[in-house]
Protein backbone atom coordinates (compact mmCIF):
# COMPACT_ATOMS: atom_id res chain seq x y z
CA UNK A 1 1.20 36.57 23.99
CA UNK A 2 -1.62 37.29 21.53
CA UNK A 3 -2.59 34.82 18.83
CA UNK A 4 -4.95 35.72 16.00
CA UNK A 5 -7.10 33.40 13.98
CA UNK A 6 -5.83 32.61 10.50
CA UNK A 7 -9.12 31.05 9.40
CA UNK A 8 -12.54 30.42 10.82
CA UNK A 9 -11.80 26.69 11.22
CA UNK A 10 -8.14 26.70 12.03
CA UNK A 11 -7.13 27.63 15.46
CA UNK A 12 -5.57 25.80 18.32
CA UNK A 13 -6.04 24.43 21.56
CA UNK A 14 -6.40 23.73 25.47
CA UNK A 15 -8.17 23.56 30.18
CA UNK A 16 -8.04 25.31 33.48
CA UNK A 17 -7.18 23.95 36.92
CA UNK A 18 -8.38 25.68 40.06
CA UNK A 19 -4.82 26.14 41.33
CA UNK A 20 -4.05 28.45 38.44
CA UNK A 21 -7.12 30.55 39.15
CA UNK A 22 -5.73 30.94 42.64
CA UNK A 23 -2.51 32.29 41.13
CA UNK A 24 -0.31 29.20 41.50
CA UNK A 25 1.15 27.68 38.37
CA UNK A 26 1.90 23.96 38.41
CA UNK A 27 4.26 21.83 36.35
CA UNK A 28 1.21 20.44 34.54
CA UNK A 29 0.22 23.96 33.47
CA UNK A 30 3.72 24.66 32.18
CA UNK A 31 3.79 21.38 30.26
CA UNK A 32 0.38 22.11 28.73
CA UNK A 33 1.47 25.58 27.59
CA UNK A 34 4.70 24.17 26.14
CA UNK A 35 2.75 21.59 24.10
CA UNK A 36 0.32 24.29 23.00
CA UNK A 37 3.06 26.64 21.83
CA UNK A 38 4.89 23.86 19.97
CA UNK A 39 1.78 22.76 18.06
CA UNK A 40 0.76 26.36 17.38
CA UNK A 41 4.13 27.04 15.76
CA UNK A 42 3.80 23.89 13.66
CA UNK A 43 0.54 25.28 12.28
CA UNK A 44 1.19 29.04 12.11
CA UNK A 45 4.99 29.29 11.98
CA UNK A 46 6.96 30.81 9.11
CA UNK A 47 7.25 27.41 7.42
CA UNK A 48 3.49 27.31 6.81
CA UNK A 49 1.18 24.31 6.99
CA UNK A 50 -1.78 22.55 5.43
CA UNK A 51 -4.56 20.41 6.87
CA UNK A 52 -7.99 19.04 6.06
CA UNK A 53 -10.89 19.71 8.41
CA UNK A 54 -14.49 18.79 9.08
CA UNK A 55 -16.56 21.12 11.25
CA UNK A 56 -19.77 20.49 13.17
CA UNK A 57 -21.54 23.27 15.06
CA UNK A 58 -23.90 21.35 17.38
CA UNK A 59 -25.51 19.68 14.36
CA UNK A 60 -26.71 23.03 12.93
CA UNK A 61 -23.88 23.62 10.50
CA UNK A 62 -21.38 21.28 8.90
CA UNK A 63 -18.49 21.94 6.55
CA UNK A 64 -15.38 20.18 5.30
CA UNK A 65 -12.37 21.28 3.35
CA UNK A 66 -8.65 21.87 3.17
CA UNK A 67 -6.63 24.93 4.14
CA UNK A 68 -3.09 26.11 3.41
CA UNK A 69 -1.44 28.83 5.53
CA UNK A 70 1.85 30.70 5.59
CA UNK A 71 2.33 33.99 7.39
CA UNK A 72 -0.42 36.40 6.33
CA UNK A 73 -1.28 34.23 3.33
CA UNK A 74 -3.93 31.52 3.18
CA UNK A 75 -6.01 29.44 0.83
CA UNK A 76 -8.99 27.21 1.57
CA UNK A 77 -11.08 24.86 -0.52
CA UNK A 78 -14.58 23.60 0.27
CA UNK A 79 -17.35 22.11 -1.87
CA UNK A 80 -19.03 25.49 -2.47
CA UNK A 81 -16.38 28.07 -1.60
CA UNK A 82 -12.75 28.62 -2.56
CA UNK A 83 -10.65 31.37 -0.94
CA UNK A 84 -7.28 32.85 -1.85
CA UNK A 85 -5.51 35.42 0.33
CA UNK A 86 -2.09 36.49 -0.94
CA UNK A 87 -1.53 38.82 2.01
CA UNK A 88 -2.74 41.89 0.10
CA UNK A 89 -5.94 40.81 -1.64
CA UNK A 90 -8.64 38.37 -0.52
CA UNK A 91 -10.69 36.48 -3.13
CA UNK A 92 -13.81 34.50 -2.21
CA UNK A 93 -15.30 32.30 -4.92
CA UNK A 94 -18.89 31.06 -4.64
CA UNK A 95 -19.07 28.18 -7.09
CA UNK A 96 -22.85 27.80 -6.77
CA UNK A 97 -23.59 31.45 -7.59
CA UNK A 98 -20.62 31.77 -9.96
CA UNK A 99 -19.44 34.85 -8.12
CA UNK A 100 -16.06 36.22 -7.03
CA UNK A 101 -15.91 38.73 -4.17
CA UNK A 102 -12.70 40.73 -3.72
CA UNK A 103 -11.59 42.50 -0.52
CA UNK A 104 -8.45 44.01 0.91
CA UNK A 105 -6.77 41.25 2.93
CA UNK A 106 -7.14 43.21 6.18
CA UNK A 107 -10.79 44.16 5.66
CA UNK A 108 -12.86 42.77 8.58
CA UNK A 109 -15.95 42.70 6.35
CA UNK A 110 -14.51 39.81 4.34
CA UNK A 111 -15.36 37.31 7.11
CA UNK A 112 -18.15 38.16 9.55
CA UNK A 113 -17.10 35.36 11.91
CA UNK A 114 -13.40 36.16 12.16
CA UNK A 115 -13.74 38.29 15.30
CA UNK A 116 -15.16 35.34 17.20
CA UNK A 117 -11.95 33.39 16.79
CA UNK A 118 -9.42 35.92 18.04
CA UNK A 119 -8.06 35.20 21.47
CA UNK A 120 -5.28 36.18 23.83
CA UNK A 121 -3.55 33.02 25.03
CA UNK A 122 -2.58 34.73 28.31
CA UNK A 123 -6.28 35.06 29.21
CA UNK A 124 -6.55 31.29 29.59
CA UNK A 125 -5.20 28.64 31.94
CA UNK A 126 -3.94 25.30 30.79
CA UNK A 127 -3.81 21.63 31.73
CA UNK A 128 -2.87 18.41 29.97
CA UNK A 129 -3.30 14.69 30.37
CA UNK A 130 -1.95 11.77 28.36
CA UNK A 131 -4.56 9.45 26.84
CA UNK A 132 -3.12 6.56 24.84
CA UNK A 133 -1.03 7.95 21.99
CA UNK A 134 -2.38 11.48 22.42
CA UNK A 135 -2.24 14.50 24.68
CA UNK A 136 -5.58 16.02 25.69
CA UNK A 137 -4.72 19.68 26.19
CA UNK A 138 -7.36 22.09 27.45
CA UNK A 139 -7.82 25.72 28.31
CA UNK A 140 -10.57 27.69 30.01
CA UNK A 141 -11.01 31.44 29.79
CA UNK A 142 -10.48 33.57 32.86
CA UNK A 143 -13.54 35.29 34.25
CA UNK A 144 -14.72 38.17 32.09
CA UNK A 145 -13.03 37.03 28.87
CA UNK A 146 -15.32 37.31 25.85
CA UNK A 147 -15.52 35.03 22.81
CA UNK A 148 -13.97 31.60 23.22
CA UNK A 149 -14.68 30.18 26.69
CA UNK A 150 -13.12 26.74 26.41
CA UNK A 151 -10.96 24.80 23.98
CA UNK A 152 -9.98 21.16 24.16
CA UNK A 153 -7.41 19.81 21.71
CA UNK A 154 -6.36 16.27 20.94
CA UNK A 155 -2.69 16.24 19.89
CA UNK A 156 -0.62 13.34 18.60
CA UNK A 157 1.89 12.52 21.31
CA UNK A 158 4.69 11.60 18.91
CA UNK A 159 4.33 14.12 16.08
CA UNK A 160 2.56 16.88 18.07
CA UNK A 161 0.16 17.32 15.14
CA UNK A 162 -3.37 18.52 15.99
CA UNK A 163 -6.03 15.81 15.59
CA UNK A 164 -9.24 17.49 16.78
CA UNK A 165 -10.58 20.55 18.58
CA UNK A 166 -13.69 21.39 20.61
CA UNK A 167 -14.43 25.08 21.12
CA UNK A 168 -17.14 26.64 23.27
CA UNK A 169 -18.72 30.03 22.58
CA UNK A 170 -21.34 30.73 25.26
CA UNK A 171 -23.57 27.66 25.07
CA UNK A 172 -22.48 26.74 21.53
CA UNK A 173 -19.98 23.94 20.93
CA UNK A 174 -17.93 23.67 17.73
CA UNK A 175 -16.16 20.41 16.89
CA UNK A 176 -13.30 20.34 14.37
CA UNK A 177 -11.68 17.11 13.22
CA UNK A 178 -8.26 17.47 11.56
CA UNK A 179 -6.57 15.11 9.09
CA UNK A 180 -3.68 15.19 6.60
CA UNK A 181 -1.74 17.74 8.63
CA UNK A 182 1.60 18.80 7.19
CA UNK A 183 3.96 21.47 8.50
CA UNK A 184 6.21 23.16 5.94
CA UNK A 185 6.74 22.58 2.24
CA UNK A 186 4.15 25.17 1.15
CA UNK A 187 4.74 26.63 -2.32
CA UNK A 188 4.29 30.38 -2.85
CA UNK A 189 2.17 29.63 -5.91
CA UNK A 190 -0.46 28.06 -3.62
CA UNK A 191 -1.74 31.54 -2.72
CA UNK A 192 -1.90 33.03 -6.25
CA UNK A 193 -5.49 33.57 -7.38
CA UNK A 194 -6.13 31.78 -10.74
CA UNK A 195 -8.11 34.55 -12.39
CA UNK A 196 -8.39 32.74 -15.70
CA UNK A 197 -10.30 29.90 -14.06
CA UNK A 198 -13.22 32.22 -13.20
CA UNK A 199 -13.28 34.50 -16.23
CA UNK A 200 -17.03 33.93 -16.69
CA UNK A 201 -17.94 34.59 -13.03
CA UNK A 202 -19.54 37.79 -11.77
CA UNK A 203 -16.93 39.89 -9.97
CA UNK A 204 -17.80 42.12 -6.98
CA UNK A 205 -14.85 44.31 -6.03
CA UNK A 206 -15.20 45.58 -2.44
CA UNK A 207 -11.76 47.14 -2.13
């Protein structure tokens, strides 16, 4: 099963026991994958979702914002940047430079980091442990897998909502804290770009 990133800061979960590397799946591995799949569908399923995030890349980069997602559509809001993606057209607003960049929604040039966050869930092995009111679900990449090497997710045991993520790329660790998660109830109007709001911004059309 292949999962693709919907946003640079919004992907999900999970760790790797030696028994799986030896080709033997345990009940713990199956439970971990079941929890992973359930939470993934809460975030990326047809019903859509929204969440707020704060990101820390080993102290070198920090960001915070809110994202809305449904199918191929997404919208995100940060202090400097606002993004609308209606599934066909991608709008990136730089509020500091008063600039709007427009791309085709499937243009890889619109986000130079997006390729880092694609991963095939079947290239990882899973484990889970219960800690208080949460599940700590982890995955490690099989040998030779590029990109994400390890993900650890903290998931609410009762609601199965994601609470935080730690992702490892080579020697770099990315920490994402998640709040105000809601699955479903996303209005179609959320993804409509409000052109009138930026009528005095410089527009760069890259389509």
